[in-house]
Amino acid sequence: MKCYHCNTDLNIKRGLRYNKNLNIQRYYCKVCEKSFTSYKNRYIRMRNDKEVIDKALELRKTGLSYEKIAKQINKVSRQTIFKWRKKYKPTEEHRKNISLSLKGRKNKDLK
């Protein structure tokens, strides 16, 4: 398990996070001294699908404003997208899929 803050393997198991439906393993990074859960569990209890979150973050990386992204997705506000950029990083699998679908498009094409 790699730390998604600093991308190192120097971490240890540090208890469980108890949810109503399941228990999630927590990890502690010895390098950056932050705790985290596994990548596959980071979207639990979210109102939006992980595809929507990843798409919004990828569109932000292309240079679109929060307002234009919110209009394009039609499900979330610009404030929500702003909060997502700190909380989540796109998973590698969706990063590849979205990058392929956006290949060759410019910002003016995404209006």
N, C-alpha and C. Protein backbone atom coordinates (compact mmCIF):
# COMPACT_ATOMS: atom_id res chain seq x y z
N MET A 1 0.85 -1.18 0.00
CA MET A 1 0.00 0.00 0.00
C MET A 1 0.89 1.24 0.00
N LYS A 2 0.69 2.12 -0.98
CA LYS A 2 1.47 3.35 -1.07
C LYS A 2 0.68 4.52 -0.47
N CYS A 3 1.39 5.41 0.17
CA CYS A 3 0.78 6.62 0.70
C CYS A 3 0.42 7.53 -0.48
N TYR A 4 -0.80 8.02 -0.52
CA TYR A 4 -1.17 8.88 -1.64
C TYR A 4 -0.79 10.33 -1.40
N HIS A 5 -0.24 10.64 -0.23
CA HIS A 5 0.28 12.00 0.02
C HIS A 5 1.69 12.15 -0.51
N CYS A 6 2.55 11.16 -0.22
CA CYS A 6 3.96 11.27 -0.62
C CYS A 6 4.43 10.11 -1.51
N ASN A 7 3.55 9.14 -1.78
CA ASN A 7 3.81 8.04 -2.71
C ASN A 7 4.96 7.11 -2.27
N THR A 8 5.10 6.88 -0.97
CA THR A 8 6.12 5.96 -0.47
C THR A 8 5.47 4.69 0.08
N ASP A 9 6.29 3.66 0.24
CA ASP A 9 5.81 2.39 0.79
C ASP A 9 6.07 2.25 2.28
N LEU A 10 6.62 3.25 2.91
CA LEU A 10 6.98 3.17 4.32
C LEU A 10 5.78 3.52 5.20
N ASN A 11 4.87 2.57 5.32
CA ASN A 11 3.70 2.81 6.17
C ASN A 11 3.34 1.56 6.95
N ILE A 12 2.53 1.76 7.97
CA ILE A 12 2.11 0.66 8.83
C ILE A 12 0.60 0.71 9.01
N LYS A 13 0.03 -0.43 9.37
CA LYS A 13 -1.40 -0.45 9.66
C LYS A 13 -1.63 0.28 10.98
N ARG A 14 -2.68 1.09 11.01
CA ARG A 14 -2.95 1.89 12.19
C ARG A 14 -4.45 1.84 12.51
N GLY A 15 -4.95 0.66 12.83
CA GLY A 15 -6.33 0.51 13.26
C GLY A 15 -7.34 0.46 12.13
N LEU A 16 -8.61 0.56 12.51
CA LEU A 16 -9.70 0.51 11.56
C LEU A 16 -10.56 1.76 11.68
N ARG A 17 -11.18 2.12 10.58
CA ARG A 17 -12.18 3.17 10.60
C ARG A 17 -13.52 2.47 10.53
N TYR A 18 -14.34 2.64 11.53
CA TYR A 18 -15.59 1.91 11.63
C TYR A 18 -16.71 2.69 10.95
N ASN A 19 -17.35 2.06 9.98
CA ASN A 19 -18.50 2.62 9.30
C ASN A 19 -19.71 1.75 9.61
N LYS A 20 -20.87 2.26 9.23
CA LYS A 20 -22.09 1.52 9.44
C LYS A 20 -22.08 0.19 8.67
N ASN A 21 -21.60 0.24 7.44
CA ASN A 21 -21.66 -0.93 6.57
C ASN A 21 -20.43 -1.83 6.64
N LEU A 22 -19.24 -1.25 6.84
CA LEU A 22 -18.02 -2.05 6.86
C LEU A 22 -16.92 -1.33 7.61
N ASN A 23 -15.89 -2.07 7.94
CA ASN A 23 -14.72 -1.50 8.61
C ASN A 23 -13.61 -1.32 7.57
N ILE A 24 -12.95 -0.17 7.60
CA ILE A 24 -11.94 0.17 6.61
C ILE A 24 -10.58 0.24 7.30
N GLN A 25 -9.59 -0.43 6.73
CA GLN A 25 -8.23 -0.43 7.27
C GLN A 25 -7.60 0.95 7.12
N ARG A 26 -7.01 1.48 8.20
CA ARG A 26 -6.30 2.75 8.16
C ARG A 26 -4.80 2.46 8.16
N TYR A 27 -4.05 3.33 7.52
CA TYR A 27 -2.60 3.21 7.45
C TYR A 27 -1.97 4.52 7.92
N TYR A 28 -0.72 4.43 8.40
CA TYR A 28 0.02 5.59 8.85
C TYR A 28 1.35 5.62 8.11
N CYS A 29 1.65 6.75 7.46
CA CYS A 29 2.89 6.89 6.71
C CYS A 29 3.99 7.38 7.64
N LYS A 30 5.11 6.68 7.64
CA LYS A 30 6.24 7.05 8.49
C LYS A 30 7.02 8.25 7.94
N VAL A 31 6.88 8.53 6.65
CA VAL A 31 7.62 9.62 6.03
C VAL A 31 6.91 10.96 6.25
N CYS A 32 5.66 11.07 5.80
CA CYS A 32 4.94 12.35 5.91
C CYS A 32 4.08 12.43 7.17
N GLU A 33 4.01 11.34 7.94
CA GLU A 33 3.30 11.29 9.21
C GLU A 33 1.80 11.60 9.08
N LYS A 34 1.20 11.14 7.97
CA LYS A 34 -0.24 11.31 7.77
C LYS A 34 -0.89 9.94 7.72
N SER A 35 -2.16 9.89 8.07
CA SER A 35 -2.87 8.63 8.00
C SER A 35 -3.79 8.65 6.78
N PHE A 36 -4.12 7.46 6.26
CA PHE A 36 -4.96 7.36 5.08
C PHE A 36 -5.57 5.97 5.02
N THR A 37 -6.55 5.81 4.15
CA THR A 37 -7.14 4.50 3.90
C THR A 37 -6.70 4.05 2.52
N SER A 38 -7.05 2.82 2.16
CA SER A 38 -6.63 2.32 0.86
C SER A 38 -7.37 3.07 -0.25
N TYR A 39 -6.77 3.11 -1.42
CA TYR A 39 -7.35 3.82 -2.56
C TYR A 39 -8.74 3.33 -2.92
N LYS A 40 -8.94 2.03 -2.88
CA LYS A 40 -10.22 1.48 -3.31
C LYS A 40 -11.38 1.88 -2.40
N ASN A 41 -11.08 2.30 -1.18
CA ASN A 41 -12.13 2.65 -0.23
C ASN A 41 -12.38 4.15 -0.09
N ARG A 42 -11.71 4.97 -0.84
CA ARG A 42 -11.80 6.40 -0.57
C ARG A 42 -13.07 7.06 -1.08
N TYR A 43 -13.90 6.36 -1.83
CA TYR A 43 -15.14 6.95 -2.33
C TYR A 43 -16.37 6.46 -1.57
N ILE A 44 -16.19 5.74 -0.50
CA ILE A 44 -17.32 5.21 0.26
C ILE A 44 -18.10 6.37 0.87
N ARG A 45 -19.41 6.28 0.80
CA ARG A 45 -20.35 7.24 1.37
C ARG A 45 -20.33 8.59 0.64
N MET A 46 -19.93 8.59 -0.60
CA MET A 46 -19.99 9.82 -1.39
C MET A 46 -21.30 9.86 -2.15
N ARG A 47 -21.82 11.06 -2.37
CA ARG A 47 -23.08 11.20 -3.09
C ARG A 47 -22.90 11.01 -4.59
N ASN A 48 -21.71 11.30 -5.08
CA ASN A 48 -21.43 11.19 -6.51
C ASN A 48 -20.55 10.00 -6.79
N ASP A 49 -20.67 9.48 -7.99
CA ASP A 49 -19.83 8.36 -8.41
C ASP A 49 -18.39 8.80 -8.54
N LYS A 50 -17.47 7.84 -8.40
CA LYS A 50 -16.06 8.19 -8.51
C LYS A 50 -15.72 8.66 -9.92
N GLU A 51 -16.47 8.20 -10.93
CA GLU A 51 -16.23 8.66 -12.29
C GLU A 51 -16.50 10.15 -12.43
N VAL A 52 -17.55 10.63 -11.76
CA VAL A 52 -17.89 12.06 -11.81
C VAL A 52 -16.80 12.87 -11.12
N ILE A 53 -16.34 12.40 -9.98
CA ILE A 53 -15.28 13.11 -9.24
C ILE A 53 -14.00 13.14 -10.06
N ASP A 54 -13.61 12.00 -10.60
CA ASP A 54 -12.38 11.94 -11.40
C ASP A 54 -12.48 12.79 -12.65
N LYS A 55 -13.64 12.78 -13.30
CA LYS A 55 -13.82 13.60 -14.51
C LYS A 55 -13.69 15.07 -14.18
N ALA A 56 -14.30 15.50 -13.09
CA ALA A 56 -14.23 16.91 -12.69
C ALA A 56 -12.78 17.32 -12.40
N LEU A 57 -12.03 16.47 -11.72
CA LEU A 57 -10.64 16.78 -11.41
C LEU A 57 -9.77 16.80 -12.65
N GLU A 58 -10.04 15.89 -13.57
CA GLU A 58 -9.27 15.87 -14.81
C GLU A 58 -9.58 17.10 -15.66
N LEU A 59 -10.84 17.51 -15.71
CA LEU A 59 -11.20 18.71 -16.46
C LEU A 59 -10.54 19.94 -15.85
N ARG A 60 -10.42 19.95 -14.54
CA ARG A 60 -9.74 21.06 -13.87
C ARG A 60 -8.27 21.12 -14.29
N LYS A 61 -7.65 19.95 -14.44
CA LYS A 61 -6.25 19.92 -14.86
C LYS A 61 -6.06 20.43 -16.28
N THR A 62 -7.11 20.35 -17.11
CA THR A 62 -7.01 20.85 -18.48
C THR A 62 -7.10 22.36 -18.53
N GLY A 63 -7.46 22.99 -17.41
CA GLY A 63 -7.49 24.45 -17.37
C GLY A 63 -8.88 25.06 -17.32
N LEU A 64 -9.91 24.23 -17.30
CA LEU A 64 -11.27 24.78 -17.20
C LEU A 64 -11.51 25.36 -15.82
N SER A 65 -12.36 26.37 -15.76
CA SER A 65 -12.71 26.96 -14.47
C SER A 65 -13.70 26.05 -13.74
N TYR A 66 -13.83 26.27 -12.44
CA TYR A 66 -14.77 25.47 -11.64
C TYR A 66 -16.19 25.65 -12.14
N GLU A 67 -16.52 26.86 -12.52
CA GLU A 67 -17.87 27.16 -12.98
C GLU A 67 -18.20 26.42 -14.29
N LYS A 68 -17.25 26.39 -15.23
CA LYS A 68 -17.48 25.69 -16.50
C LYS A 68 -17.58 24.19 -16.29
N ILE A 69 -16.80 23.67 -15.38
CA ILE A 69 -16.86 22.23 -15.07
C ILE A 69 -18.22 21.89 -14.47
N ALA A 70 -18.69 22.72 -13.54
CA ALA A 70 -19.98 22.48 -12.89
C ALA A 70 -21.12 22.52 -13.92
N LYS A 71 -21.04 23.43 -14.88
CA LYS A 71 -22.07 23.50 -15.93
C LYS A 71 -22.02 22.27 -16.83
N GLN A 72 -20.82 21.79 -17.11
CA GLN A 72 -20.67 20.64 -17.99
C GLN A 72 -21.16 19.36 -17.32
N ILE A 73 -20.90 19.20 -16.04
CA ILE A 73 -21.29 17.97 -15.35
C ILE A 73 -22.76 18.01 -14.93
N ASN A 74 -23.28 19.18 -14.56
CA ASN A 74 -24.69 19.38 -14.19
C ASN A 74 -25.14 18.68 -12.92
N LYS A 75 -24.24 18.10 -12.17
CA LYS A 75 -24.64 17.40 -10.94
C LYS A 75 -24.10 18.06 -9.69
N VAL A 76 -23.07 18.87 -9.83
CA VAL A 76 -22.39 19.41 -8.66
C VAL A 76 -22.16 20.90 -8.80
N SER A 77 -21.94 21.55 -7.67
CA SER A 77 -21.64 22.98 -7.69
C SER A 77 -20.14 23.21 -7.81
N ARG A 78 -19.76 24.43 -8.11
CA ARG A 78 -18.34 24.75 -8.25
C ARG A 78 -17.63 24.65 -6.91
N GLN A 79 -18.34 24.92 -5.81
CA GLN A 79 -17.75 24.80 -4.49
C GLN A 79 -17.40 23.34 -4.16
N THR A 80 -18.26 22.43 -4.59
CA THR A 80 -18.00 21.01 -4.37
C THR A 80 -16.76 20.56 -5.12
N ILE A 81 -16.62 20.99 -6.35
CA ILE A 81 -15.43 20.64 -7.14
C ILE A 81 -14.18 21.21 -6.50
N PHE A 82 -14.29 22.42 -5.96
CA PHE A 82 -13.15 23.04 -5.27
C PHE A 82 -12.72 22.20 -4.07
N LYS A 83 -13.67 21.67 -3.33
CA LYS A 83 -13.36 20.82 -2.17
C LYS A 83 -12.76 19.48 -2.60
N TRP A 84 -13.26 18.93 -3.71
CA TRP A 84 -12.76 17.65 -4.20
C TRP A 84 -11.29 17.71 -4.57
N ARG A 85 -10.83 18.84 -5.08
CA ARG A 85 -9.44 18.90 -5.55
C ARG A 85 -8.45 18.69 -4.42
N LYS A 86 -8.83 19.03 -3.20
CA LYS A 86 -7.96 18.78 -2.06
C LYS A 86 -8.14 17.37 -1.49
N LYS A 87 -9.37 16.89 -1.55
CA LYS A 87 -9.68 15.63 -0.91
C LYS A 87 -9.30 14.41 -1.74
N TYR A 88 -9.40 14.51 -3.06
CA TYR A 88 -9.20 13.36 -3.92
C TYR A 88 -8.16 13.63 -4.99
N LYS A 89 -7.54 12.56 -5.41
CA LYS A 89 -6.71 12.57 -6.60
C LYS A 89 -7.31 11.51 -7.51
N PRO A 90 -7.35 11.74 -8.81
CA PRO A 90 -7.95 10.74 -9.69
C PRO A 90 -7.19 9.41 -9.63
N THR A 91 -7.93 8.33 -9.68
CA THR A 91 -7.28 7.03 -9.70
C THR A 91 -6.58 6.85 -11.04
N GLU A 92 -5.55 6.06 -11.06
CA GLU A 92 -4.74 5.87 -12.26
C GLU A 92 -5.59 5.32 -13.41
N GLU A 93 -6.50 4.42 -13.11
CA GLU A 93 -7.35 3.81 -14.14
C GLU A 93 -8.22 4.86 -14.83
N HIS A 94 -8.85 5.74 -14.06
CA HIS A 94 -9.71 6.77 -14.65
C HIS A 94 -8.89 7.87 -15.30
N ARG A 95 -7.71 8.13 -14.79
CA ARG A 95 -6.83 9.13 -15.39
C ARG A 95 -6.51 8.74 -16.83
N LYS A 96 -6.23 7.46 -17.05
CA LYS A 96 -5.92 6.99 -18.40
C LYS A 96 -7.15 7.07 -19.30
N ASN A 97 -8.31 6.63 -18.81
CA ASN A 97 -9.53 6.64 -19.61
C ASN A 97 -9.94 8.06 -19.99
N ILE A 98 -9.89 8.97 -19.04
CA ILE A 98 -10.30 10.34 -19.31
C ILE A 98 -9.30 11.02 -20.22
N SER A 99 -8.02 10.76 -20.02
CA SER A 99 -7.00 11.37 -20.88
C SER A 99 -7.20 10.94 -22.33
N LEU A 100 -7.55 9.68 -22.55
CA LEU A 100 -7.79 9.21 -23.91
C LEU A 100 -9.01 9.87 -24.52
N SER A 101 -10.07 10.07 -23.72
CA SER A 101 -11.28 10.68 -24.26
C SER A 101 -11.11 12.17 -24.52
N LEU A 102 -10.17 12.83 -23.84
CA LEU A 102 -9.94 14.26 -24.03
C LEU A 102 -8.80 14.54 -25.00
N LYS A 103 -8.15 13.52 -25.48
CA LYS A 103 -6.98 13.69 -26.34
C LYS A 103 -7.36 14.47 -27.61
N GLY A 104 -6.59 15.48 -27.90
CA GLY A 104 -6.81 16.27 -29.10
C GLY A 104 -7.83 17.39 -28.95
N ARG A 105 -8.45 17.52 -27.79
CA ARG A 105 -9.44 18.58 -27.57
C ARG A 105 -8.78 19.74 -26.86
N LYS A 106 -9.22 20.92 -27.19
CA LYS A 106 -8.70 22.12 -26.54
C LYS A 106 -9.77 22.64 -25.58
N ASN A 107 -9.39 23.59 -24.73
CA ASN A 107 -10.32 24.13 -23.74
C ASN A 107 -11.58 24.70 -24.40
N LYS A 108 -11.46 25.35 -25.55
CA LYS A 108 -12.63 25.93 -26.19
C LYS A 108 -13.61 24.86 -26.68
N ASP A 109 -13.11 23.63 -26.91
CA ASP A 109 -13.98 22.54 -27.33
C ASP A 109 -14.85 22.02 -26.19
N LEU A 110 -14.48 22.29 -24.96
CA LEU A 110 -15.17 21.72 -23.79
C LEU A 110 -16.22 22.64 -23.21
N LYS A 111 -16.55 23.72 -23.88
CA LYS A 111 -17.54 24.69 -23.35
C LYS A 111 -18.91 24.11 -23.26
